[in-house]
Amino acid sequence: MAEYKGIKGFKVQSLASDPTLVEGQVWYNTTGSALKYQAQVGAWASGGALNTARRNITGMGTQTAAITGGGNSTWPAITISETYNGTAWTEVNDINTARSNMGSDGIGTQGAAQIQGGYNQPPATTYNICEQYDGTSWAEVADMNTPRYVLTSGGTQTAGMAMGGTDTPGATHYDVTETWNGSAWTEVGDLNTGRQYLAGGGPTTAALVMSGGPAPAVPTAPTATESWNGSSWTTVNTLNTGRTSGSGSVGPSASTFALMVGGETPSVTAATEQWDGTSWTEVADLATARSQMAGNSAASTTAAMVAGGNPVTAITEEWTVANAVKTVTVS
């Protein structure tokens, strides 16, 4: 077995007190008789509340520059859109067609966003409508080929994708994937497992979808995860906590980072899991258990957010990562 000195080129330091932290540092605290190390630890903290509490909303952008659209508290759905600057939400121009259930994980950035599909009632209507935001207002663009809602999506205004969903509650669980080239939608390789109420995101060359199922809350919630390589989906390691109606925040590449946040198991959960490109690890829970939140389409390993959700709320939580001292325990 390799020794620490053989790997790092020096021995573990023995110190009477914990040093100023340096990422990856390991030392032996002689006062407490403990082997310690520095690690990055993520946690959720309160952010600014939405102006309009709602669930089934979609969100795009980053922790400090996000945008939401649509959603509902009761029916019918609303057209409200709000932007976030990392501190507070501001209402901006409405989306054109009132709807909810467009998927919590949208396409693009705050100044170049896209929403697609969705649902409203009465009367019960499933949409294939897509709208894009230019930093000022929303405009309708080319429709998806398959009308659906409770789907998920990812990418940018010029290279996006939409995955899964349904057109009727409890009926068809779509495996459909469509890609967007900036002007039109094209159907491409199907998901291995058709599902609705799923989460996901990422670029059109390295996307990820996870969870989802036949209903918003099922007795045995699914854990399935699939990765996209630009042409086909591959089933990969599953979530630790199966759920539906959660929020996914995916980094620049699904091969490196993603968060799966909240959802229904079938009761609402605060569970958060982090993807490292290979497997899921349980990390810090949300402060408020909920489902049907807006996520953000451009997460990073140190910054993500969720807003709104079910039970109907205006709460925003922000994911941040900081250095922390950990003690090595042996059992």
C-alpha atoms as a PDB file:
ATOM      1  CA  MET A   1       0.000   0.000   0.000  1.00  0.00           C
ATOM      2  CA  ALA A   2       1.321   3.453  -0.930  1.00  0.00           C
ATOM      3  CA  GLU A   3       2.298   5.753   1.926  1.00  0.00           C
ATOM      4  CA  TYR A   4       1.427   9.450   2.142  1.00  0.00           C
ATOM      5  CA  LYS A   5       5.112  10.422   1.820  1.00  0.00           C
ATOM      6  CA  GLY A   6       5.470   8.311  -1.271  1.00  0.00           C
ATOM      7  CA  ILE A   7       2.481  10.049  -2.865  1.00  0.00           C
ATOM      8  CA  LYS A   8       3.070  13.649  -1.731  1.00  0.00           C
ATOM      9  CA  GLY A   9       6.861  13.609  -1.246  1.00  0.00           C
ATOM     10  CA  PHE A  10       6.701  14.597   2.442  1.00  0.00           C
ATOM     11  CA  LYS A  11       5.315  13.317   5.726  1.00  0.00           C
ATOM     12  CA  VAL A  12       2.105  14.413   7.432  1.00  0.00           C
ATOM     13  CA  GLN A  13       2.876  17.387   9.694  1.00  0.00           C
ATOM     14  CA  SER A  14       2.321  17.151  13.462  1.00  0.00           C
ATOM     15  CA  LEU A  15       0.879  20.452  14.705  1.00  0.00           C
ATOM     16  CA  ALA A  16      -0.380  21.643  18.098  1.00  0.00           C
ATOM     17  CA  SER A  17      -3.266  23.548  16.462  1.00  0.00           C
ATOM     18  CA  ASP A  18      -5.052  23.547  13.138  1.00  0.00           C
ATOM     19  CA  PRO A  19      -3.188  25.596  10.475  1.00  0.00           C
ATOM     20  CA  THR A  20      -4.463  28.177   8.027  1.00  0.00           C
ATOM     21  CA  LEU A  21      -6.342  26.021   5.545  1.00  0.00           C
ATOM     22  CA  VAL A  22      -4.798  25.032   2.264  1.00  0.00           C
ATOM     23  CA  GLU A  23      -6.934  22.929  -0.060  1.00  0.00           C
ATOM     24  CA  GLY A  24      -6.133  19.238   0.310  1.00  0.00           C
ATOM     25  CA  GLN A  25      -3.865  19.729   3.344  1.00  0.00           C
ATOM     26  CA  VAL A  26      -3.525  16.850   5.846  1.00  0.00           C
ATOM     27  CA  TRP A  27      -2.042  17.159   9.358  1.00  0.00           C
ATOM     28  CA  TYR A  28      -1.981  15.479  12.776  1.00  0.00           C
ATOM     29  CA  ASN A  29      -3.313  17.646  15.616  1.00  0.00           C
ATOM     30  CA  THR A  30      -1.203  16.650  18.618  1.00  0.00           C
ATOM     31  CA  THR A  31      -3.394  18.536  21.106  1.00  0.00           C
ATOM     32  CA  GLY A  32      -6.519  16.651  20.146  1.00  0.00           C
ATOM     33  CA  SER A  33      -4.718  13.482  19.032  1.00  0.00           C
ATOM     34  CA  ALA A  34      -6.562  13.486  15.718  1.00  0.00           C
ATOM     35  CA  LEU A  35      -5.653  13.187  12.040  1.00  0.00           C
ATOM     36  CA  LYS A  36      -7.337  16.024  10.169  1.00  0.00           C
ATOM     37  CA  TYR A  37      -7.713  17.287   6.616  1.00  0.00           C
ATOM     38  CA  GLN A  38      -9.161  20.205   4.721  1.00  0.00           C
ATOM     39  CA  ALA A  39     -12.189  19.534   2.510  1.00  0.00           C
ATOM     40  CA  GLN A  40     -14.723  21.500   0.521  1.00  0.00           C
ATOM     41  CA  VAL A  41     -18.202  21.203   2.036  1.00  0.00           C
ATOM     42  CA  GLY A  42     -21.437  22.355   0.395  1.00  0.00           C
ATOM     43  CA  ALA A  43     -24.474  23.778   2.211  1.00  0.00           C
ATOM     44  CA  TRP A  44     -27.766  25.548   1.468  1.00  0.00           C
ATOM     45  CA  ALA A  45     -28.404  29.124   2.652  1.00  0.00           C
ATOM     46  CA  SER A  46     -31.403  31.439   2.359  1.00  0.00           C
ATOM     47  CA  GLY A  47     -31.617  33.739  -0.643  1.00  0.00           C
ATOM     48  CA  GLY A  48     -34.085  36.457  -1.640  1.00  0.00           C
ATOM     49  CA  ALA A  49     -37.739  35.372  -1.880  1.00  0.00           C
ATOM     50  CA  LEU A  50     -39.684  35.362  -5.139  1.00  0.00           C
ATOM     51  CA  ASN A  51     -42.218  38.190  -5.436  1.00  0.00           C
ATOM     52  CA  THR A  52     -44.909  35.659  -6.415  1.00  0.00           C
ATOM     53  CA  ALA A  53     -45.001  32.316  -4.604  1.00  0.00           C
ATOM     54  CA  ARG A  54     -45.598  29.407  -6.996  1.00  0.00           C
ATOM     55  CA  ARG A  55     -44.800  25.838  -7.951  1.00  0.00           C
ATOM     56  CA  ASN A  56     -44.223  24.060 -11.262  1.00  0.00           C
ATOM     57  CA  ILE A  57     -41.972  26.877 -12.463  1.00  0.00           C
ATOM     58  CA  THR A  58     -38.957  26.765 -14.725  1.00  0.00           C
ATOM     59  CA  GLY A  59     -35.616  28.441 -14.086  1.00  0.00           C
ATOM     60  CA  MET A  60     -32.488  29.300 -16.069  1.00  0.00           C
ATOM     61  CA  GLY A  61     -29.162  31.033 -15.481  1.00  0.00           C
ATOM     62  CA  THR A  62     -26.737  31.139 -12.562  1.00  0.00           C
ATOM     63  CA  GLN A  63     -26.940  31.703  -8.811  1.00  0.00           C
ATOM     64  CA  THR A  64     -26.320  35.432  -9.305  1.00  0.00           C
ATOM     65  CA  ALA A  65     -28.114  35.931 -12.640  1.00  0.00           C
ATOM     66  CA  ALA A  66     -31.213  33.742 -12.938  1.00  0.00           C
ATOM     67  CA  ILE A  67     -34.672  34.004 -14.514  1.00  0.00           C
ATOM     68  CA  THR A  68     -37.946  32.162 -13.915  1.00  0.00           C
ATOM     69  CA  GLY A  69     -41.141  31.916 -15.932  1.00  0.00           C
ATOM     70  CA  GLY A  70     -44.717  30.704 -15.481  1.00  0.00           C
ATOM     71  CA  GLY A  71     -45.949  28.312 -12.809  1.00  0.00           C
ATOM     72  CA  ASN A  72     -49.022  28.221 -10.612  1.00  0.00           C
ATOM     73  CA  SER A  73     -50.263  28.285  -7.041  1.00  0.00           C
ATOM     74  CA  THR A  74     -53.796  27.295  -8.064  1.00  0.00           C
ATOM     75  CA  TRP A  75     -55.190  26.980 -11.586  1.00  0.00           C
ATOM     76  CA  PRO A  76     -55.031  28.544 -14.103  1.00  0.00           C
ATOM     77  CA  ALA A  77     -51.276  29.044 -14.487  1.00  0.00           C
ATOM     78  CA  ILE A  78     -49.685  32.498 -14.657  1.00  0.00           C
ATOM     79  CA  THR A  79     -47.412  34.413 -17.030  1.00  0.00           C
ATOM     80  CA  ILE A  80     -45.152  36.047 -14.434  1.00  0.00           C
ATOM     81  CA  SER A  81     -41.397  36.151 -15.066  1.00  0.00           C
ATOM     82  CA  GLU A  82     -38.782  37.297 -12.527  1.00  0.00           C
ATOM     83  CA  THR A  83     -35.019  37.808 -12.620  1.00  0.00           C
ATOM     84  CA  TYR A  84     -32.554  37.284  -9.748  1.00  0.00           C
ATOM     85  CA  ASN A  85     -29.304  39.162  -9.111  1.00  0.00           C
ATOM     86  CA  GLY A  86     -28.040  36.976  -6.276  1.00  0.00           C
ATOM     87  CA  THR A  87     -29.859  39.055  -3.676  1.00  0.00           C
ATOM     88  CA  ALA A  88     -33.388  39.910  -4.828  1.00  0.00           C
ATOM     89  CA  TRP A  89     -35.978  38.968  -7.453  1.00  0.00           C
ATOM     90  CA  THR A  90     -37.416  41.600  -9.819  1.00  0.00           C
ATOM     91  CA  GLU A  91     -40.533  41.133 -11.946  1.00  0.00           C
ATOM     92  CA  VAL A  92     -39.852  41.628 -15.668  1.00  0.00           C
ATOM     93  CA  ASN A  93     -41.951  41.268 -18.833  1.00  0.00           C
ATOM     94  CA  ASP A  94     -44.324  38.292 -18.748  1.00  0.00           C
ATOM     95  CA  ILE A  95     -44.094  35.179 -20.873  1.00  0.00           C
ATOM     96  CA  ASN A  96     -46.714  35.253 -23.662  1.00  0.00           C
ATOM     97  CA  THR A  97     -48.604  32.024 -22.896  1.00  0.00           C
ATOM     98  CA  ALA A  98     -49.595  31.223 -19.314  1.00  0.00           C
ATOM     99  CA  ARG A  99     -48.511  27.712 -18.365  1.00  0.00           C
ATOM    100  CA  SER A 100     -46.731  25.611 -15.776  1.00  0.00           C
ATOM    101  CA  ASN A 101     -44.887  22.275 -15.680  1.00  0.00           C
ATOM    102  CA  MET A 102     -42.395  23.308 -18.346  1.00  0.00           C
ATOM    103  CA  GLY A 103     -39.731  21.505 -16.375  1.00  0.00           C
ATOM    104  CA  SER A 104     -37.729  22.974 -13.510  1.00  0.00           C
ATOM    105  CA  ASP A 105     -34.499  23.013 -15.523  1.00  0.00           C
ATOM    106  CA  GLY A 106     -34.651  25.327 -18.515  1.00  0.00           C
ATOM    107  CA  ILE A 107     -32.415  26.396 -21.393  1.00  0.00           C
ATOM    108  CA  GLY A 108     -29.914  29.246 -21.538  1.00  0.00           C
ATOM    109  CA  THR A 109     -28.963  32.184 -19.336  1.00  0.00           C
ATOM    110  CA  GLN A 110     -30.752  35.123 -17.740  1.00  0.00           C
ATOM    111  CA  GLY A 111     -30.266  37.289 -20.839  1.00  0.00           C
ATOM    112  CA  ALA A 112     -30.784  34.490 -23.367  1.00  0.00           C
ATOM    113  CA  ALA A 113     -33.298  32.013 -21.957  1.00  0.00           C
ATOM    114  CA  GLN A 114     -35.789  29.590 -23.461  1.00  0.00           C
ATOM    115  CA  ILE A 115     -38.861  27.783 -22.098  1.00  0.00           C
ATOM    116  CA  GLN A 116     -40.696  25.002 -23.904  1.00  0.00           C
ATOM    117  CA  GLY A 117     -43.876  22.950 -23.602  1.00  0.00           C
ATOM    118  CA  GLY A 118     -46.042  23.139 -20.492  1.00  0.00           C
ATOM    119  CA  TYR A 119     -49.597  22.694 -19.258  1.00  0.00           C
ATOM    120  CA  ASN A 120     -52.602  24.757 -18.183  1.00  0.00           C
ATOM    121  CA  GLN A 121     -56.234  24.301 -17.181  1.00  0.00           C
ATOM    122  CA  PRO A 122     -59.123  24.845 -17.608  1.00  0.00           C
ATOM    123  CA  PRO A 123     -59.489  23.497 -20.195  1.00  0.00           C
ATOM    124  CA  ALA A 124     -56.675  20.922 -19.867  1.00  0.00           C
ATOM    125  CA  THR A 125     -54.103  21.914 -22.507  1.00  0.00           C
ATOM    126  CA  THR A 126     -50.644  20.529 -23.284  1.00  0.00           C
ATOM    127  CA  TYR A 127     -48.311  22.824 -25.222  1.00  0.00           C
ATOM    128  CA  ASN A 128     -45.429  22.486 -27.661  1.00  0.00           C
ATOM    129  CA  ILE A 129     -44.927  26.272 -27.606  1.00  0.00           C
ATOM    130  CA  CYS A 130     -41.391  27.637 -27.128  1.00  0.00           C
ATOM    131  CA  GLU A 131     -40.500  31.163 -26.087  1.00  0.00           C
ATOM    132  CA  GLN A 132     -37.138  32.931 -25.883  1.00  0.00           C
ATOM    133  CA  TYR A 133     -36.029  35.849 -23.714  1.00  0.00           C
ATOM    134  CA  ASP A 134     -33.593  38.453 -25.073  1.00  0.00           C
ATOM    135  CA  GLY A 135     -32.930  40.278 -21.833  1.00  0.00           C
ATOM    136  CA  THR A 136     -36.039  42.435 -22.207  1.00  0.00           C
ATOM    137  CA  SER A 137     -39.007  40.459 -23.490  1.00  0.00           C
ATOM    138  CA  TRP A 138     -40.240  36.984 -24.438  1.00  0.00           C
ATOM    139  CA  ALA A 139     -40.975  36.039 -28.072  1.00  0.00           C
ATOM    140  CA  GLU A 140     -42.435  32.815 -29.463  1.00  0.00           C
ATOM    141  CA  VAL A 141     -40.138  30.752 -31.692  1.00  0.00           C
ATOM    142  CA  ALA A 142     -40.543  27.413 -33.491  1.00  0.00           C
ATOM    143  CA  ASP A 143     -42.598  24.792 -31.638  1.00  0.00           C
ATOM    144  CA  MET A 144     -41.323  21.428 -30.419  1.00  0.00           C
ATOM    145  CA  ASN A 145     -42.442  18.454 -32.511  1.00  0.00           C
ATOM    146  CA  THR A 146     -44.120  16.723 -29.541  1.00  0.00           C
ATOM    147  CA  PRO A 147     -46.417  18.676 -27.187  1.00  0.00           C
ATOM    148  CA  ARG A 148     -45.561  17.752 -23.585  1.00  0.00           C
ATOM    149  CA  TYR A 149     -45.109  18.931 -20.034  1.00  0.00           C
ATOM    150  CA  VAL A 150     -43.232  17.851 -16.857  1.00  0.00           C
ATOM    151  CA  LEU A 151     -40.184  17.430 -19.108  1.00  0.00           C
ATOM    152  CA  THR A 152     -36.626  18.637 -18.590  1.00  0.00           C
ATOM    153  CA  SER A 153     -34.208  20.496 -20.837  1.00  0.00           C
ATOM    154  CA  GLY A 154     -30.707  21.912 -21.141  1.00  0.00           C
ATOM    155  CA  GLY A 155     -28.224  23.738 -23.336  1.00  0.00           C
ATOM    156  CA  THR A 156     -28.369  27.225 -24.833  1.00  0.00           C
ATOM    157  CA  GLN A 157     -30.624  29.346 -27.064  1.00  0.00           C
ATOM    158  CA  THR A 158     -28.685  28.125 -30.107  1.00  0.00           C
ATOM    159  CA  ALA A 159     -27.936  24.550 -29.013  1.00  0.00           C
ATOM    160  CA  GLY A 160     -30.594  23.168 -26.670  1.00  0.00           C
ATOM    161  CA  MET A 161     -32.424  19.945 -25.953  1.00  0.00           C
ATOM    162  CA  ALA A 162     -35.698  18.757 -24.355  1.00  0.00           C
ATOM    163  CA  MET A 163     -36.185  15.315 -22.806  1.00  0.00           C
ATOM    164  CA  GLY A 164     -39.062  13.182 -21.536  1.00  0.00           C
ATOM    165  CA  GLY A 165     -42.431  14.437 -20.318  1.00  0.00           C
ATOM    166  CA  THR A 166     -46.062  13.490 -20.958  1.00  0.00           C
ATOM    167  CA  ASP A 167     -49.194  14.734 -22.705  1.00  0.00           C
ATOM    168  CA  THR A 168     -51.753  13.198 -20.323  1.00  0.00           C
ATOM    169  CA  PRO A 169     -51.327  12.479 -16.601  1.00  0.00           C
ATOM    170  CA  GLY A 170     -50.737   8.769 -16.088  1.00  0.00           C
ATOM    171  CA  ALA A 171     -50.779   8.007 -19.820  1.00  0.00           C
ATOM    172  CA  THR A 172     -47.752   8.317 -22.110  1.00  0.00           C
ATOM    173  CA  HIS A 173     -44.361   8.602 -20.421  1.00  0.00           C
ATOM    174  CA  TYR A 174     -42.263   9.961 -23.235  1.00  0.00           C
ATOM    175  CA  ASP A 175     -38.753   8.779 -24.044  1.00  0.00           C
ATOM    176  CA  VAL A 176     -38.600  11.515 -26.687  1.00  0.00           C
ATOM    177  CA  THR A 177     -35.478  13.699 -26.978  1.00  0.00           C
ATOM    178  CA  GLU A 178     -35.389  16.725 -29.266  1.00  0.00           C
ATOM    179  CA  THR A 179     -32.487  19.055 -30.003  1.00  0.00           C
ATOM    180  CA  TRP A 180     -32.700  22.761 -30.919  1.00  0.00           C
ATOM    181  CA  ASN A 181     -30.279  24.426 -33.344  1.00  0.00           C
ATOM    182  CA  GLY A 182     -31.419  28.009 -32.862  1.00  0.00           C
ATOM    183  CA  SER A 183     -34.267  27.834 -35.359  1.00  0.00           C
ATOM    184  CA  ALA A 184     -35.893  24.377 -35.313  1.00  0.00           C
ATOM    185  CA  TRP A 185     -36.374  21.204 -33.251  1.00  0.00           C
ATOM    186  CA  THR A 186     -35.206  17.766 -34.426  1.00  0.00           C
ATOM    187  CA  GLU A 187     -36.054  14.439 -32.788  1.00  0.00           C
ATOM    188  CA  VAL A 188     -32.919  12.450 -31.916  1.00  0.00           C
ATOM    189  CA  GLY A 189     -32.058   9.352 -29.843  1.00  0.00           C
ATOM    190  CA  ASP A 190     -34.691   8.346 -27.284  1.00  0.00           C
ATOM    191  CA  LEU A 191     -34.161   7.931 -23.560  1.00  0.00           C
ATOM    192  CA  ASN A 192     -33.734   4.312 -22.487  1.00  0.00           C
ATOM    193  CA  THR A 193     -36.522   4.796 -19.942  1.00  0.00           C
ATOM    194  CA  GLY A 194     -39.538   6.911 -20.854  1.00  0.00           C
ATOM    195  CA  ARG A 195     -40.513   9.161 -17.946  1.00  0.00           C
ATOM    196  CA  GLN A 196     -42.116  12.365 -16.753  1.00  0.00           C
ATOM    197  CA  TYR A 197     -41.499  14.578 -13.701  1.00  0.00           C
ATOM    198  CA  LEU A 198     -37.774  14.094 -14.346  1.00  0.00           C
ATOM    199  CA  ALA A 199     -34.820  16.441 -13.785  1.00  0.00           C
ATOM    200  CA  GLY A 200     -31.656  17.073 -15.769  1.00  0.00           C
ATOM    201  CA  GLY A 201     -29.766  19.420 -18.018  1.00  0.00           C
ATOM    202  CA  GLY A 202     -26.338  20.090 -19.473  1.00  0.00           C
ATOM    203  CA  PRO A 203     -25.033  20.858 -22.965  1.00  0.00           C
ATOM    204  CA  THR A 204     -26.139  18.999 -26.104  1.00  0.00           C
ATOM    205  CA  THR A 205     -22.862  17.041 -26.091  1.00  0.00           C
ATOM    206  CA  ALA A 206     -22.859  15.937 -22.439  1.00  0.00           C
ATOM    207  CA  ALA A 207     -26.305  16.072 -20.787  1.00  0.00           C
ATOM    208  CA  LEU A 208     -27.768  14.169 -17.854  1.00  0.00           C
ATOM    209  CA  VAL A 209     -31.286  13.138 -16.810  1.00  0.00           C
ATOM    210  CA  MET A 210     -32.263  11.592 -13.505  1.00  0.00           C
ATOM    211  CA  SER A 211     -35.267  10.407 -11.530  1.00  0.00           C
ATOM    212  CA  GLY A 212     -38.764  10.852 -12.939  1.00  0.00           C
ATOM    213  CA  GLY A 213     -41.562   8.357 -13.210  1.00  0.00           C
ATOM    214  CA  PRO A 214     -45.164   7.666 -14.143  1.00  0.00           C
ATOM    215  CA  ALA A 215     -46.716  10.151 -11.689  1.00  0.00           C
ATOM    216  CA  PRO A 216     -45.740  13.156  -9.558  1.00  0.00           C
ATOM    217  CA  ALA A 217     -45.597  10.921  -6.477  1.00  0.00           C
ATOM    218  CA  VAL A 218     -45.195   7.154  -6.620  1.00  0.00           C
ATOM    219  CA  PRO A 219     -44.827   4.591  -3.803  1.00  0.00           C
ATOM    220  CA  THR A 220     -41.410   3.501  -5.069  1.00  0.00           C
ATOM    221  CA  ALA A 221     -39.787   6.545  -6.634  1.00  0.00           C
ATOM    222  CA  PRO A 222     -37.273   5.825  -9.428  1.00  0.00           C
ATOM    223  CA  THR A 223     -33.526   6.326  -9.193  1.00  0.00           C
ATOM    224  CA  ALA A 224     -32.560   5.916 -12.865  1.00  0.00           C
ATOM    225  CA  THR A 225     -29.870   8.207 -14.328  1.00  0.00           C
ATOM    226  CA  GLU A 226     -28.856   8.483 -17.991  1.00  0.00           C
ATOM    227  CA  SER A 227     -26.030  10.393 -19.685  1.00  0.00           C
ATOM    228  CA  TRP A 228     -26.011  11.776 -23.252  1.00  0.00           C
ATOM    229  CA  ASN A 229     -22.875  11.820 -25.421  1.00  0.00           C
ATOM    230  CA  GLY A 230     -24.266  13.884 -28.293  1.00  0.00           C
ATOM    231  CA  SER A 231     -25.964  11.005 -30.088  1.00  0.00           C
ATOM    232  CA  SER A 232     -27.318   8.455 -27.590  1.00  0.00           C
ATOM    233  CA  TRP A 233     -28.295   7.861 -23.951  1.00  0.00           C
ATOM    234  CA  THR A 234     -26.485   5.445 -21.623  1.00  0.00           C
ATOM    235  CA  THR A 235     -27.805   4.241 -18.269  1.00  0.00           C
ATOM    236  CA  VAL A 236     -25.304   5.075 -15.505  1.00  0.00           C
ATOM    237  CA  ASN A 237     -25.169   4.826 -11.700  1.00  0.00           C
ATOM    238  CA  THR A 238     -28.454   5.485  -9.929  1.00  0.00           C
ATOM    239  CA  LEU A 239     -29.456   8.055  -7.321  1.00  0.00           C
ATOM    240  CA  ASN A 240     -29.367   7.068  -3.660  1.00  0.00           C
ATOM    241  CA  THR A 241     -32.866   8.486  -3.052  1.00  0.00           C
ATOM    242  CA  GLY A 242     -35.487   7.792  -5.707  1.00  0.00           C
ATOM    243  CA  ARG A 243     -37.872  10.665  -6.355  1.00  0.00           C
ATOM    244  CA  THR A 244     -39.998  12.572  -8.851  1.00  0.00           C
ATOM    245  CA  SER A 245     -40.570  16.320  -9.369  1.00  0.00           C
ATOM    246  CA  GLY A 246     -37.109  17.335  -8.137  1.00  0.00           C
ATOM    247  CA  SER A 247     -34.799  19.962  -9.559  1.00  0.00           C
ATOM    248  CA  GLY A 248     -31.572  19.272 -11.391  1.00  0.00           C
ATOM    249  CA  SER A 249     -28.674  21.696 -11.650  1.00  0.00           C
ATOM    250  CA  VAL A 250     -26.069  20.521 -14.135  1.00  0.00           C
ATOM    251  CA  GLY A 251     -22.629  22.021 -14.684  1.00  0.00           C
ATOM    252  CA  PRO A 252     -20.870  22.822 -17.981  1.00  0.00           C
ATOM    253  CA  SER A 253     -20.619  19.063 -18.558  1.00  0.00           C
ATOM    254  CA  ALA A 254     -22.674  16.266 -17.054  1.00  0.00           C
ATOM    255  CA  SER A 255     -19.449  14.255 -16.979  1.00  0.00           C
ATOM    256  CA  THR A 256     -18.160  16.451 -14.138  1.00  0.00           C
ATOM    257  CA  PHE A 257     -20.909  17.901 -11.928  1.00  0.00           C
ATOM    258  CA  ALA A 258     -24.643  17.939 -11.185  1.00  0.00           C
ATOM    259  CA  LEU A 259     -26.982  18.354  -8.230  1.00  0.00           C
ATOM    260  CA  MET A 260     -30.290  16.559  -7.716  1.00  0.00           C
ATOM    261  CA  VAL A 261     -32.406  18.587  -5.310  1.00  0.00           C
ATOM    262  CA  GLY A 262     -35.655  17.890  -3.445  1.00  0.00           C
ATOM    263  CA  GLY A 263     -38.636  16.126  -5.015  1.00  0.00           C
ATOM    264  CA  GLU A 264     -41.256  13.614  -3.898  1.00  0.00           C
ATOM    265  CA  THR A 265     -40.597  10.124  -2.509  1.00  0.00           C
ATOM    266  CA  PRO A 266     -43.785  10.277  -2.461  1.00  0.00           C
ATOM    267  CA  SER A 267     -43.674  12.761   0.447  1.00  0.00           C
ATOM    268  CA  VAL A 268     -41.673  15.913  -0.264  1.00  0.00           C
ATOM    269  CA  THR A 269     -37.982  15.573   0.512  1.00  0.00           C
ATOM    270  CA  ALA A 270     -35.084  17.905   1.279  1.00  0.00           C
ATOM    271  CA  ALA A 271     -32.527  15.376   0.023  1.00  0.00           C
ATOM    272  CA  THR A 272     -29.683  16.707  -2.123  1.00  0.00           C
ATOM    273  CA  GLU A 273     -27.219  14.554  -4.058  1.00  0.00           C
ATOM    274  CA  GLN A 274     -24.088  15.521  -5.988  1.00  0.00           C
ATOM    275  CA  TRP A 275     -22.863  13.816  -9.172  1.00  0.00           C
ATOM    276  CA  ASP A 276     -19.113  13.636  -9.845  1.00  0.00           C
ATOM    277  CA  GLY A 277     -19.326  12.172 -13.342  1.00  0.00           C
ATOM    278  CA  THR A 278     -19.475   8.598 -12.065  1.00  0.00           C
ATOM    279  CA  SER A 279     -21.718   8.314  -9.012  1.00  0.00           C
ATOM    280  CA  TRP A 280     -24.101  10.170  -6.698  1.00  0.00           C
ATOM    281  CA  THR A 281     -23.202  11.182  -3.123  1.00  0.00           C
ATOM    282  CA  GLU A 282     -25.641  12.464  -0.521  1.00  0.00           C
ATOM    283  CA  VAL A 283     -24.723  15.985   0.581  1.00  0.00           C
ATOM    284  CA  ALA A 284     -26.414  18.704   2.692  1.00  0.00           C
ATOM    285  CA  ASP A 285     -30.217  18.789   2.645  1.00  0.00           C
ATOM    286  CA  LEU A 286     -32.360  21.768   1.707  1.00  0.00           C
ATOM    287  CA  ALA A 287     -33.595  23.785   4.681  1.00  0.00           C
ATOM    288  CA  THR A 288     -37.156  23.451   3.331  1.00  0.00           C
ATOM    289  CA  ALA A 289     -38.319  20.138   1.877  1.00  0.00           C
ATOM    290  CA  ARG A 290     -40.190  20.694  -1.404  1.00  0.00           C
ATOM    291  CA  SER A 291     -40.740  19.662  -5.008  1.00  0.00           C
ATOM    292  CA  GLN A 292     -41.620  21.358  -8.322  1.00  0.00           C
ATOM    293  CA  MET A 293     -38.982  24.107  -7.888  1.00  0.00           C
ATOM    294  CA  ALA A 294     -37.168  26.263 -10.394  1.00  0.00           C
ATOM    295  CA  GLY A 295     -33.531  25.255 -10.715  1.00  0.00           C
ATOM    296  CA  ASN A 296     -30.730  26.958 -12.591  1.00  0.00           C
ATOM    297  CA  SER A 297     -29.350  25.785 -15.908  1.00  0.00           C
ATOM    298  CA  ALA A 298     -25.765  26.921 -15.391  1.00  0.00           C
ATOM    299  CA  ALA A 299     -24.676  25.480 -12.059  1.00  0.00           C
ATOM    300  CA  SER A 300     -21.092  25.069 -10.943  1.00  0.00           C
ATOM    301  CA  THR A 301     -19.405  22.925  -8.313  1.00  0.00           C
ATOM    302  CA  THR A 302     -19.584  25.874  -5.907  1.00  0.00           C
ATOM    303  CA  ALA A 303     -22.815  27.699  -6.829  1.00  0.00           C
ATOM    304  CA  ALA A 304     -26.418  26.686  -7.570  1.00  0.00           C
ATOM    305  CA  MET A 305     -29.933  27.712  -6.493  1.00  0.00           C
ATOM    306  CA  VAL A 306     -33.578  26.654  -6.320  1.00  0.00           C
ATOM    307  CA  ALA A 307     -36.680  28.841  -5.967  1.00  0.00           C
ATOM    308  CA  GLY A 308     -40.378  28.373  -5.247  1.00  0.00           C
ATOM    309  CA  GLY A 309     -41.916  24.921  -5.190  1.00  0.00           C
ATOM    310  CA  ASN A 310     -44.563  22.724  -3.624  1.00  0.00           C
ATOM    311  CA  PRO A 311     -45.995  23.191  -0.990  1.00  0.00           C
ATOM    312  CA  VAL A 312     -46.457  26.580  -2.650  1.00  0.00           C
ATOM    313  CA  THR A 313     -43.663  28.882  -1.529  1.00  0.00           C
ATOM    314  CA  ALA A 314     -41.545  31.884  -2.529  1.00  0.00           C
ATOM    315  CA  ILE A 315     -38.425  30.577  -0.773  1.00  0.00           C
ATOM    316  CA  THR A 316     -35.061  30.689  -2.562  1.00  0.00           C
ATOM    317  CA  GLU A 317     -32.072  28.675  -1.358  1.00  0.00           C
ATOM    318  CA  GLU A 318     -28.487  29.022  -2.590  1.00  0.00           C
ATOM    319  CA  TRP A 319     -25.881  26.257  -2.704  1.00  0.00           C
ATOM    320  CA  THR A 320     -22.379  27.362  -1.740  1.00  0.00           C
ATOM    321  CA  VAL A 321     -19.170  25.465  -1.051  1.00  0.00           C
ATOM    322  CA  ALA A 322     -16.574  26.468   1.535  1.00  0.00           C
ATOM    323  CA  ASN A 323     -13.410  24.990   3.042  1.00  0.00           C
ATOM    324  CA  ALA A 324     -13.858  23.081   6.297  1.00  0.00           C
ATOM    325  CA  VAL A 325     -11.723  21.011   8.696  1.00  0.00           C
ATOM    326  CA  LYS A 326     -12.621  17.307   8.849  1.00  0.00           C
ATOM    327  CA  THR A 327     -11.368  14.663  11.264  1.00  0.00           C
ATOM    328  CA  VAL A 328     -10.393  11.229  10.012  1.00  0.00           C
ATOM    329  CA  THR A 329     -12.330   8.559  11.911  1.00  0.00           C
ATOM    330  CA  VAL A 330     -11.520   4.874  11.917  1.00  0.00           C
ATOM    331  CA  SER A 331     -14.129   2.248  12.745  1.00  0.00           C
END
